[in-house]
PDB file of all heavy atoms in Angstrom:
ATOM      1  N   GLU A   1     119.889  49.440  58.518  1.00  0.00           N
ATOM      2  CA  GLU A   1     120.947  49.539  57.464  1.00  0.00           C
ATOM      3  C   GLU A   1     120.707  50.474  56.284  1.00  0.00           C
ATOM      4  O   GLU A   1     121.477  51.219  55.932  1.00  0.00           O
ATOM      5  CB  GLU A   1     121.201  48.202  56.874  1.00  0.00           C
ATOM      6  CG  GLU A   1     121.757  47.124  57.927  1.00  0.00           C
ATOM      7  CD  GLU A   1     123.149  47.600  58.360  1.00  0.00           C
ATOM      8  OE1 GLU A   1     123.989  48.151  57.574  1.00  0.00           O
ATOM      9  OE2 GLU A   1     123.430  47.296  59.583  1.00  0.00           O
ATOM     10  N   LYS A   2     119.402  50.522  56.037  1.00  0.00           N
ATOM     11  CA  LYS A   2     119.030  51.431  54.944  1.00  0.00           C
ATOM     12  C   LYS A   2     119.041  52.878  55.417  1.00  0.00           C
ATOM     13  O   LYS A   2     119.605  53.729  54.536  1.00  0.00           O
ATOM     14  CB  LYS A   2     117.519  51.146  54.544  1.00  0.00           C
ATOM     15  CG  LYS A   2     116.948  52.043  53.388  1.00  0.00           C
ATOM     16  CD  LYS A   2     115.490  51.610  53.202  1.00  0.00           C
ATOM     17  CE  LYS A   2     114.865  52.397  51.975  1.00  0.00           C
ATOM     18  NZ  LYS A   2     113.508  52.049  51.720  1.00  0.00           N
ATOM     19  N   ILE A   3     118.742  53.223  56.633  1.00  0.00           N
ATOM     20  CA  ILE A   3     118.882  54.533  57.193  1.00  0.00           C
ATOM     21  C   ILE A   3     120.427  54.970  57.228  1.00  0.00           C
ATOM     22  O   ILE A   3     120.740  55.994  56.829  1.00  0.00           O
ATOM     23  CB  ILE A   3     118.250  54.606  58.487  1.00  0.00           C
ATOM     24  CG1 ILE A   3     116.675  54.484  58.286  1.00  0.00           C
ATOM     25  CG2 ILE A   3     118.624  55.941  59.227  1.00  0.00           C
ATOM     26  CD1 ILE A   3     115.970  54.452  59.600  1.00  0.00           C
ATOM     27  N   LEU A   4     121.163  54.015  57.672  1.00  0.00           N
ATOM     28  CA  LEU A   4     122.703  54.351  57.859  1.00  0.00           C
ATOM     29  C   LEU A   4     123.263  54.635  56.496  1.00  0.00           C
ATOM     30  O   LEU A   4     124.161  55.499  56.338  1.00  0.00           O
ATOM     31  CB  LEU A   4     123.322  53.192  58.570  1.00  0.00           C
ATOM     32  CG  LEU A   4     123.114  53.049  60.070  1.00  0.00           C
ATOM     33  CD1 LEU A   4     123.681  51.717  60.650  1.00  0.00           C
ATOM     34  CD2 LEU A   4     123.723  54.213  60.756  1.00  0.00           C
ATOM     35  N   ALA A   5     122.831  53.813  55.488  1.00  0.00           N
ATOM     36  CA  ALA A   5     123.407  53.900  54.224  1.00  0.00           C
ATOM     37  C   ALA A   5     123.013  55.396  53.634  1.00  0.00           C
ATOM     38  O   ALA A   5     123.806  56.037  52.908  1.00  0.00           O
ATOM     39  CB  ALA A   5     122.965  52.869  53.251  1.00  0.00           C
ATOM     40  N   ALA A   6     121.768  55.753  53.823  1.00  0.00           N
ATOM     41  CA  ALA A   6     121.307  56.908  53.393  1.00  0.00           C
ATOM     42  C   ALA A   6     121.959  58.173  53.980  1.00  0.00           C
ATOM     43  O   ALA A   6     122.404  59.168  53.289  1.00  0.00           O
ATOM     44  CB  ALA A   6     119.836  57.054  53.533  1.00  0.00           C
ATOM     45  N   LEU A   7     122.184  58.005  55.336  1.00  0.00           N
ATOM     46  CA  LEU A   7     122.930  59.038  56.139  1.00  0.00           C
ATOM     47  C   LEU A   7     124.346  59.211  55.554  1.00  0.00           C
ATOM     48  O   LEU A   7     124.888  60.319  55.469  1.00  0.00           O
ATOM     49  CB  LEU A   7     122.896  58.768  57.560  1.00  0.00           C
ATOM     50  CG  LEU A   7     121.614  59.036  58.311  1.00  0.00           C
ATOM     51  CD1 LEU A   7     121.616  58.348  59.681  1.00  0.00           C
ATOM     52  CD2 LEU A   7     121.298  60.470  58.496  1.00  0.00           C
ATOM     53  N   THR A   8     124.960  58.045  55.294  1.00  0.00           N
ATOM     54  CA  THR A   8     126.361  58.134  54.792  1.00  0.00           C
ATOM     55  C   THR A   8     126.469  58.749  53.477  1.00  0.00           C
ATOM     56  O   THR A   8     127.335  59.664  53.172  1.00  0.00           O
ATOM     57  CB  THR A   8     126.823  56.774  54.712  1.00  0.00           C
ATOM     58  OG1 THR A   8     126.846  56.070  56.024  1.00  0.00           O
ATOM     59  CG2 THR A   8     128.326  56.648  54.179  1.00  0.00           C
ATOM     60  N   ARG A   9     125.541  58.410  52.560  1.00  0.00           N
ATOM     61  CA  ARG A   9     125.471  59.060  51.131  1.00  0.00           C
ATOM     62  C   ARG A   9     125.218  60.569  51.337  1.00  0.00           C
ATOM     63  O   ARG A   9     125.650  61.335  50.424  1.00  0.00           O
ATOM     64  CB  ARG A   9     124.409  58.357  50.372  1.00  0.00           C
ATOM     65  CG  ARG A   9     124.799  56.852  49.996  1.00  0.00           C
ATOM     66  CD  ARG A   9     123.813  56.282  49.088  1.00  0.00           C
ATOM     67  NE  ARG A   9     123.683  56.989  47.880  1.00  0.00           N
ATOM     68  CZ  ARG A   9     122.803  56.566  46.885  1.00  0.00           C
ATOM     69  NH1 ARG A   9     122.117  55.593  47.044  1.00  0.00           N
ATOM     70  NH2 ARG A   9     122.772  57.387  45.789  1.00  0.00           N
ATOM     71  N   CYS A  10     124.345  60.963  52.255  1.00  0.00           N
ATOM     72  CA  CYS A  10     123.966  62.351  52.278  1.00  0.00           C
ATOM     73  C   CYS A  10     124.872  63.169  53.335  1.00  0.00           C
ATOM     74  O   CYS A  10     124.516  64.247  53.779  1.00  0.00           O
ATOM     75  CB  CYS A  10     122.548  62.556  52.669  1.00  0.00           C
ATOM     76  SG  CYS A  10     121.452  61.771  51.520  1.00  0.00           S
ATOM     77  N   ASN A  11     126.097  62.636  53.679  1.00  0.00           N
ATOM     78  CA  ASN A  11     126.998  63.201  54.564  1.00  0.00           C
ATOM     79  C   ASN A  11     126.271  63.595  55.947  1.00  0.00           C
ATOM     80  O   ASN A  11     126.464  64.650  56.527  1.00  0.00           O
ATOM     81  CB  ASN A  11     127.523  64.570  54.038  1.00  0.00           C
ATOM     82  CG  ASN A  11     128.867  65.009  54.649  1.00  0.00           C
ATOM     83  OD1 ASN A  11     129.444  64.258  55.385  1.00  0.00           O
ATOM     84  ND2 ASN A  11     129.058  66.199  54.581  1.00  0.00           N
ATOM     85  N   TRP A  12     125.459  62.776  56.327  1.00  0.00           N
ATOM     86  CA  TRP A  12     124.636  62.704  57.664  1.00  0.00           C
ATOM     87  C   TRP A  12     123.725  64.012  57.680  1.00  0.00           C
ATOM     88  O   TRP A  12     123.475  64.385  58.818  1.00  0.00           O
ATOM     89  CB  TRP A  12     125.701  62.761  58.813  1.00  0.00           C
ATOM     90  CG  TRP A  12     126.234  61.312  58.941  1.00  0.00           C
ATOM     91  CD1 TRP A  12     127.277  60.805  58.241  1.00  0.00           C
ATOM     92  CD2 TRP A  12     125.720  60.305  59.870  1.00  0.00           C
ATOM     93  NE1 TRP A  12     127.559  59.527  58.663  1.00  0.00           N
ATOM     94  CE2 TRP A  12     126.566  59.207  59.608  1.00  0.00           C
ATOM     95  CE3 TRP A  12     124.634  60.152  60.861  1.00  0.00           C
ATOM     96  CZ2 TRP A  12     126.365  57.941  60.322  1.00  0.00           C
ATOM     97  CZ3 TRP A  12     124.485  59.091  61.514  1.00  0.00           C
ATOM     98  CH2 TRP A  12     125.330  58.018  61.305  1.00  0.00           C
ATOM     99  N   ASN A  13     123.272  64.396  56.566  1.00  0.00           N
ATOM    100  CA  ASN A  13     122.201  65.382  56.593  1.00  0.00           C
ATOM    101  C   ASN A  13     120.766  64.653  56.779  1.00  0.00           C
ATOM    102  O   ASN A  13     120.371  63.941  55.835  1.00  0.00           O
ATOM    103  CB  ASN A  13     122.180  66.122  55.308  1.00  0.00           C
ATOM    104  CG  ASN A  13     121.176  67.374  55.256  1.00  0.00           C
ATOM    105  OD1 ASN A  13     119.982  67.086  55.392  1.00  0.00           O
ATOM    106  ND2 ASN A  13     121.712  68.563  54.959  1.00  0.00           N
ATOM    107  N   ARG A  14     120.212  64.804  57.844  1.00  0.00           N
ATOM    108  CA  ARG A  14     118.932  64.026  58.143  1.00  0.00           C
ATOM    109  C   ARG A  14     117.893  64.319  57.122  1.00  0.00           C
ATOM    110  O   ARG A  14     117.054  63.439  56.839  1.00  0.00           O
ATOM    111  CB  ARG A  14     118.572  64.149  59.635  1.00  0.00           C
ATOM    112  CG  ARG A  14     119.595  63.735  60.587  1.00  0.00           C
ATOM    113  CD  ARG A  14     119.163  63.974  61.941  1.00  0.00           C
ATOM    114  NE  ARG A  14     118.966  65.294  62.274  1.00  0.00           N
ATOM    115  CZ  ARG A  14     118.521  65.971  63.437  1.00  0.00           C
ATOM    116  NH1 ARG A  14     118.093  65.096  64.402  1.00  0.00           N
ATOM    117  NH2 ARG A  14     118.461  67.172  63.526  1.00  0.00           N
ATOM    118  N   VAL A  15     117.699  65.640  56.858  1.00  0.00           N
ATOM    119  CA  VAL A  15     116.570  65.981  55.990  1.00  0.00           C
ATOM    120  C   VAL A  15     116.784  65.342  54.554  1.00  0.00           C
ATOM    121  O   VAL A  15     115.800  64.803  53.982  1.00  0.00           O
ATOM    122  CB  VAL A  15     116.511  67.563  55.731  1.00  0.00           C
ATOM    123  CG1 VAL A  15     115.477  67.855  54.708  1.00  0.00           C
ATOM    124  CG2 VAL A  15     116.192  68.243  57.098  1.00  0.00           C
ATOM    125  N   GLN A  16     117.965  65.454  54.051  1.00  0.00           N
ATOM    126  CA  GLN A  16     118.219  64.734  52.784  1.00  0.00           C
ATOM    127  C   GLN A  16     118.173  63.232  52.735  1.00  0.00           C
ATOM    128  O   GLN A  16     117.523  62.692  51.879  1.00  0.00           O
ATOM    129  CB  GLN A  16     119.593  65.089  52.215  1.00  0.00           C
ATOM    130  CG  GLN A  16     119.676  66.694  51.854  1.00  0.00           C
ATOM    131  CD  GLN A  16     121.152  66.995  51.398  1.00  0.00           C
ATOM    132  OE1 GLN A  16     121.904  66.156  51.038  1.00  0.00           O
ATOM    133  NE2 GLN A  16     121.312  68.329  51.170  1.00  0.00           N
ATOM    134  N   ALA A  17     118.599  62.649  53.842  1.00  0.00           N
ATOM    135  CA  ALA A  17     118.517  61.228  53.942  1.00  0.00           C
ATOM    136  C   ALA A  17     116.992  60.850  54.072  1.00  0.00           C
ATOM    137  O   ALA A  17     116.757  59.813  53.449  1.00  0.00           O
ATOM    138  CB  ALA A  17     119.212  60.745  55.244  1.00  0.00           C
ATOM    139  N   ALA A  18     116.255  61.453  54.751  1.00  0.00           N
ATOM    140  CA  ALA A  18     114.865  61.173  54.929  1.00  0.00           C
ATOM    141  C   ALA A  18     114.141  61.226  53.582  1.00  0.00           C
ATOM    142  O   ALA A  18     113.322  60.314  53.170  1.00  0.00           O
ATOM    143  CB  ALA A  18     114.088  62.149  55.902  1.00  0.00           C
ATOM    144  N   LYS A  19     114.425  62.276  52.752  1.00  0.00           N
ATOM    145  CA  LYS A  19     113.823  62.376  51.411  1.00  0.00           C
ATOM    146  C   LYS A  19     114.353  61.210  50.471  1.00  0.00           C
ATOM    147  O   LYS A  19     113.573  60.721  49.715  1.00  0.00           O
ATOM    148  CB  LYS A  19     114.292  63.715  50.807  1.00  0.00           C
ATOM    149  CG  LYS A  19     113.549  64.919  51.511  1.00  0.00           C
ATOM    150  CD  LYS A  19     114.005  66.235  50.858  1.00  0.00           C
ATOM    151  CE  LYS A  19     113.370  67.424  51.411  1.00  0.00           C
ATOM    152  NZ  LYS A  19     113.801  68.709  50.887  1.00  0.00           N
ATOM    153  N   MET A  20     115.658  60.943  50.662  1.00  0.00           N
ATOM    154  CA  MET A  20     116.151  59.862  49.746  1.00  0.00           C
ATOM    155  C   MET A  20     115.397  58.573  49.887  1.00  0.00           C
ATOM    156  O   MET A  20     115.200  57.860  48.882  1.00  0.00           O
ATOM    157  CB  MET A  20     117.572  59.623  50.111  1.00  0.00           C
ATOM    158  CG  MET A  20     118.245  58.451  49.346  1.00  0.00           C
ATOM    159  SD  MET A  20     120.098  58.292  49.731  1.00  0.00           S
ATOM    160  CE  MET A  20     120.655  59.816  48.999  1.00  0.00           C
ATOM    161  N   ILE A  21     115.091  58.169  51.143  1.00  0.00           N
ATOM    162  CA  ILE A  21     114.406  56.885  51.397  1.00  0.00           C
ATOM    163  C   ILE A  21     112.797  57.041  51.464  1.00  0.00           C
ATOM    164  O   ILE A  21     112.134  56.082  51.608  1.00  0.00           O
ATOM    165  CB  ILE A  21     114.947  56.110  52.597  1.00  0.00           C
ATOM    166  CG1 ILE A  21     114.641  56.969  53.944  1.00  0.00           C
ATOM    167  CG2 ILE A  21     116.315  55.836  52.604  1.00  0.00           C
ATOM    168  CD1 ILE A  21     114.946  56.357  55.236  1.00  0.00           C
ATOM    169  N   GLY A  22     112.413  58.231  51.332  1.00  0.00           N
ATOM    170  CA  GLY A  22     110.955  58.500  51.157  1.00  0.00           C
ATOM    171  C   GLY A  22     110.135  58.280  52.472  1.00  0.00           C
ATOM    172  O   GLY A  22     109.053  57.830  52.476  1.00  0.00           O
ATOM    173  N   VAL A  23     110.845  58.735  53.563  1.00  0.00           N
ATOM    174  CA  VAL A  23     110.248  58.684  54.908  1.00  0.00           C
ATOM    175  C   VAL A  23     109.906  60.069  55.438  1.00  0.00           C
ATOM    176  O   VAL A  23     110.886  60.845  55.410  1.00  0.00           O
ATOM    177  CB  VAL A  23     111.199  57.886  55.893  1.00  0.00           C
ATOM    178  CG1 VAL A  23     110.489  57.890  57.326  1.00  0.00           C
ATOM    179  CG2 VAL A  23     111.337  56.419  55.393  1.00  0.00           C
ATOM    180  N   PRO A  24     108.782  60.342  55.876  1.00  0.00           N
ATOM    181  CA  PRO A  24     108.536  61.726  56.549  1.00  0.00           C
ATOM    182  C   PRO A  24     109.631  62.006  57.585  1.00  0.00           C
ATOM    183  O   PRO A  24     110.084  61.132  58.344  1.00  0.00           O
ATOM    184  CB  PRO A  24     107.131  61.568  57.135  1.00  0.00           C
ATOM    185  CG  PRO A  24     106.481  60.469  56.457  1.00  0.00           C
ATOM    186  CD  PRO A  24     107.561  59.482  56.047  1.00  0.00           C
ATOM    187  N   ARG A  25     109.938  63.296  57.735  1.00  0.00           N
ATOM    188  CA  ARG A  25     111.010  63.593  58.596  1.00  0.00           C
ATOM    189  C   ARG A  25     110.749  63.215  60.097  1.00  0.00           C
ATOM    190  O   ARG A  25     111.613  62.715  60.779  1.00  0.00           O
ATOM    191  CB  ARG A  25     111.232  65.088  58.607  1.00  0.00           C
ATOM    192  CG  ARG A  25     112.211  65.523  57.522  1.00  0.00           C
ATOM    193  CD  ARG A  25     112.292  67.079  57.420  1.00  0.00           C
ATOM    194  NE  ARG A  25     110.968  67.686  57.035  1.00  0.00           N
ATOM    195  CZ  ARG A  25     110.714  68.897  57.014  1.00  0.00           C
ATOM    196  NH1 ARG A  25     111.609  69.712  57.570  1.00  0.00           N
ATOM    197  NH2 ARG A  25     109.620  69.433  56.714  1.00  0.00           N
ATOM    198  N   ARG A  26     109.495  63.464  60.569  1.00  0.00           N
ATOM    199  CA  ARG A  26     109.098  63.228  61.986  1.00  0.00           C
ATOM    200  C   ARG A  26     109.321  61.623  62.248  1.00  0.00           C
ATOM    201  O   ARG A  26     109.883  61.117  63.187  1.00  0.00           O
ATOM    202  CB  ARG A  26     107.675  63.477  62.177  1.00  0.00           C
ATOM    203  CG  ARG A  26     107.309  63.201  63.631  1.00  0.00           C
ATOM    204  CD  ARG A  26     108.080  63.839  64.692  1.00  0.00           C
ATOM    205  NE  ARG A  26     108.028  65.319  64.594  1.00  0.00           N
ATOM    206  CZ  ARG A  26     108.685  66.117  65.224  1.00  0.00           C
ATOM    207  NH1 ARG A  26     109.580  65.675  66.102  1.00  0.00           N
ATOM    208  NH2 ARG A  26     108.525  67.471  65.156  1.00  0.00           N
ATOM    209  N   THR A  27     108.922  60.790  61.150  1.00  0.00           N
ATOM    210  CA  THR A  27     109.159  59.273  61.365  1.00  0.00           C
ATOM    211  C   THR A  27     110.566  58.982  61.273  1.00  0.00           C
ATOM    212  O   THR A  27     111.039  58.066  62.034  1.00  0.00           O
ATOM    213  CB  THR A  27     108.350  58.670  60.207  1.00  0.00           C
ATOM    214  OG1 THR A  27     106.977  58.924  60.266  1.00  0.00           O
ATOM    215  CG2 THR A  27     108.459  57.070  60.361  1.00  0.00           C
ATOM    216  N   PHE A  28     111.260  59.721  60.430  1.00  0.00           N
ATOM    217  CA  PHE A  28     112.744  59.457  60.288  1.00  0.00           C
ATOM    218  C   PHE A  28     113.416  59.700  61.602  1.00  0.00           C
ATOM    219  O   PHE A  28     114.320  58.910  62.173  1.00  0.00           O
ATOM    220  CB  PHE A  28     113.302  60.291  59.237  1.00  0.00           C
ATOM    221  CG  PHE A  28     114.727  59.970  58.832  1.00  0.00           C
ATOM    222  CD1 PHE A  28     114.988  58.927  58.076  1.00  0.00           C
ATOM    223  CD2 PHE A  28     115.655  60.801  59.317  1.00  0.00           C
ATOM    224  CE1 PHE A  28     116.352  58.613  57.639  1.00  0.00           C
ATOM    225  CE2 PHE A  28     117.056  60.535  59.033  1.00  0.00           C
ATOM    226  CZ  PHE A  28     117.329  59.396  58.181  1.00  0.00           C
ATOM    227  N   TYR A  29     113.093  60.841  62.305  1.00  0.00           N
ATOM    228  CA  TYR A  29     113.746  61.139  63.542  1.00  0.00           C
ATOM    229  C   TYR A  29     113.320  60.074  64.629  1.00  0.00           C
ATOM    230  O   TYR A  29     114.193  59.715  65.519  1.00  0.00           O
ATOM    231  CB  TYR A  29     113.262  62.572  63.995  1.00  0.00           C
ATOM    232  CG  TYR A  29     113.755  63.668  63.141  1.00  0.00           C
ATOM    233  CD1 TYR A  29     112.980  64.858  62.986  1.00  0.00           C
ATOM    234  CD2 TYR A  29     114.907  63.621  62.359  1.00  0.00           C
ATOM    235  CE1 TYR A  29     113.373  65.897  62.160  1.00  0.00           C
ATOM    236  CE2 TYR A  29     115.355  64.565  61.464  1.00  0.00           C
ATOM    237  CZ  TYR A  29     114.447  65.645  61.357  1.00  0.00           C
ATOM    238  OH  TYR A  29     114.965  66.719  60.589  1.00  0.00           O
ATOM    239  N   ARG A  30     112.133  59.590  64.691  1.00  0.00           N
ATOM    240  CA  ARG A  30     111.794  58.568  65.547  1.00  0.00           C
ATOM    241  C   ARG A  30     112.659  57.261  65.317  1.00  0.00           C
ATOM    242  O   ARG A  30     112.964  56.684  66.326  1.00  0.00           O
ATOM    243  CB  ARG A  30     110.320  58.263  65.483  1.00  0.00           C
ATOM    244  CG  ARG A  30     109.398  59.331  66.179  1.00  0.00           C
ATOM    245  CD  ARG A  30     107.965  58.756  66.480  1.00  0.00           C
ATOM    246  NE  ARG A  30     107.318  58.415  65.243  1.00  0.00           N
ATOM    247  CZ  ARG A  30     106.414  59.247  64.704  1.00  0.00           C
ATOM    248  NH1 ARG A  30     106.247  60.390  65.152  1.00  0.00           N
ATOM    249  NH2 ARG A  30     105.807  58.889  63.580  1.00  0.00           N
ATOM    250  N   ARG A  31     112.798  56.880  64.122  1.00  0.00           N
ATOM    251  CA  ARG A  31     113.586  55.716  63.812  1.00  0.00           C
ATOM    252  C   ARG A  31     115.028  55.966  64.273  1.00  0.00           C
ATOM    253  O   ARG A  31     115.617  54.988  64.882  1.00  0.00           O
ATOM    254  CB  ARG A  31     113.571  55.514  62.309  1.00  0.00           C
ATOM    255  CG  ARG A  31     112.187  55.148  61.730  1.00  0.00           C
ATOM    256  CD  ARG A  31     111.703  53.736  62.299  1.00  0.00           C
ATOM    257  NE  ARG A  31     110.510  53.272  61.698  1.00  0.00           N
ATOM    258  CZ  ARG A  31     109.313  53.528  62.238  1.00  0.00           C
ATOM    259  NH1 ARG A  31     109.193  54.250  63.306  1.00  0.00           N
ATOM    260  NH2 ARG A  31     108.223  53.105  61.615  1.00  0.00           N
ATOM    261  N   LEU A  32     115.561  57.180  64.100  1.00  0.00           N
ATOM    262  CA  LEU A  32     116.964  57.376  64.534  1.00  0.00           C
ATOM    263  C   LEU A  32     117.039  57.168  66.078  1.00  0.00           C
ATOM    264  O   LEU A  32     117.977  56.600  66.577  1.00  0.00           O
ATOM    265  CB  LEU A  32     117.337  58.778  64.250  1.00  0.00           C
ATOM    266  CG  LEU A  32     117.511  59.175  62.833  1.00  0.00           C
ATOM    267  CD1 LEU A  32     117.977  60.674  62.640  1.00  0.00           C
ATOM    268  CD2 LEU A  32     118.563  58.235  62.106  1.00  0.00           C
ATOM    269  N   LYS A  33     115.988  57.551  66.818  1.00  0.00           N
ATOM    270  CA  LYS A  33     115.912  57.379  68.289  1.00  0.00           C
ATOM    271  C   LYS A  33     115.731  55.928  68.656  1.00  0.00           C
ATOM    272  O   LYS A  33     116.455  55.345  69.544  1.00  0.00           O
ATOM    273  CB  LYS A  33     114.874  58.236  68.827  1.00  0.00           C
ATOM    274  CG  LYS A  33     114.810  58.303  70.399  1.00  0.00           C
ATOM    275  CD  LYS A  33     113.640  59.160  70.830  1.00  0.00           C
ATOM    276  CE  LYS A  33     113.661  59.127  72.388  1.00  0.00           C
ATOM    277  NZ  LYS A  33     112.615  60.051  72.963  1.00  0.00           N
ATOM    278  N   GLU A  34     114.853  55.218  67.960  1.00  0.00           N
ATOM    279  CA  GLU A  34     114.602  53.875  68.264  1.00  0.00           C
ATOM    280  C   GLU A  34     115.878  52.976  68.112  1.00  0.00           C
ATOM    281  O   GLU A  34     116.151  52.056  68.760  1.00  0.00           O
ATOM    282  CB  GLU A  34     113.456  53.263  67.329  1.00  0.00           C
ATOM    283  CG  GLU A  34     112.212  53.917  67.649  1.00  0.00           C
ATOM    284  CD  GLU A  34     111.049  53.501  66.674  1.00  0.00           C
ATOM    285  OE1 GLU A  34     111.386  52.516  65.844  1.00  0.00           O
ATOM    286  OE2 GLU A  34     109.979  53.984  66.753  1.00  0.00           O
ATOM    287  N   TYR A  35     116.635  53.214  66.974  1.00  0.00           N
ATOM    288  CA  TYR A  35     117.753  52.454  66.604  1.00  0.00           C
ATOM    289  C   TYR A  35     119.072  53.018  67.185  1.00  0.00           C
ATOM    290  O   TYR A  35     120.128  52.276  66.991  1.00  0.00           O
ATOM    291  CB  TYR A  35     117.971  52.447  65.024  1.00  0.00           C
ATOM    292  CG  TYR A  35     116.714  51.763  64.377  1.00  0.00           C
ATOM    293  CD1 TYR A  35     116.330  52.249  63.071  1.00  0.00           C
ATOM    294  CD2 TYR A  35     116.061  50.719  64.983  1.00  0.00           C
ATOM    295  CE1 TYR A  35     115.255  51.633  62.436  1.00  0.00           C
ATOM    296  CE2 TYR A  35     115.014  50.091  64.248  1.00  0.00           C
ATOM    297  CZ  TYR A  35     114.512  50.584  63.073  1.00  0.00           C
ATOM    298  OH  TYR A  35     113.476  50.021  62.310  1.00  0.00           O
TER     299      TYR A  35
END
């Protein structure tokens, strides 16, 4: 839910969303795949 909220607020820009929640981009991309 936290990732989805960040993506929505950042207009689905993954780099900005990852920065917003403080997660490294590589980890963020893995979470997108897992979920």
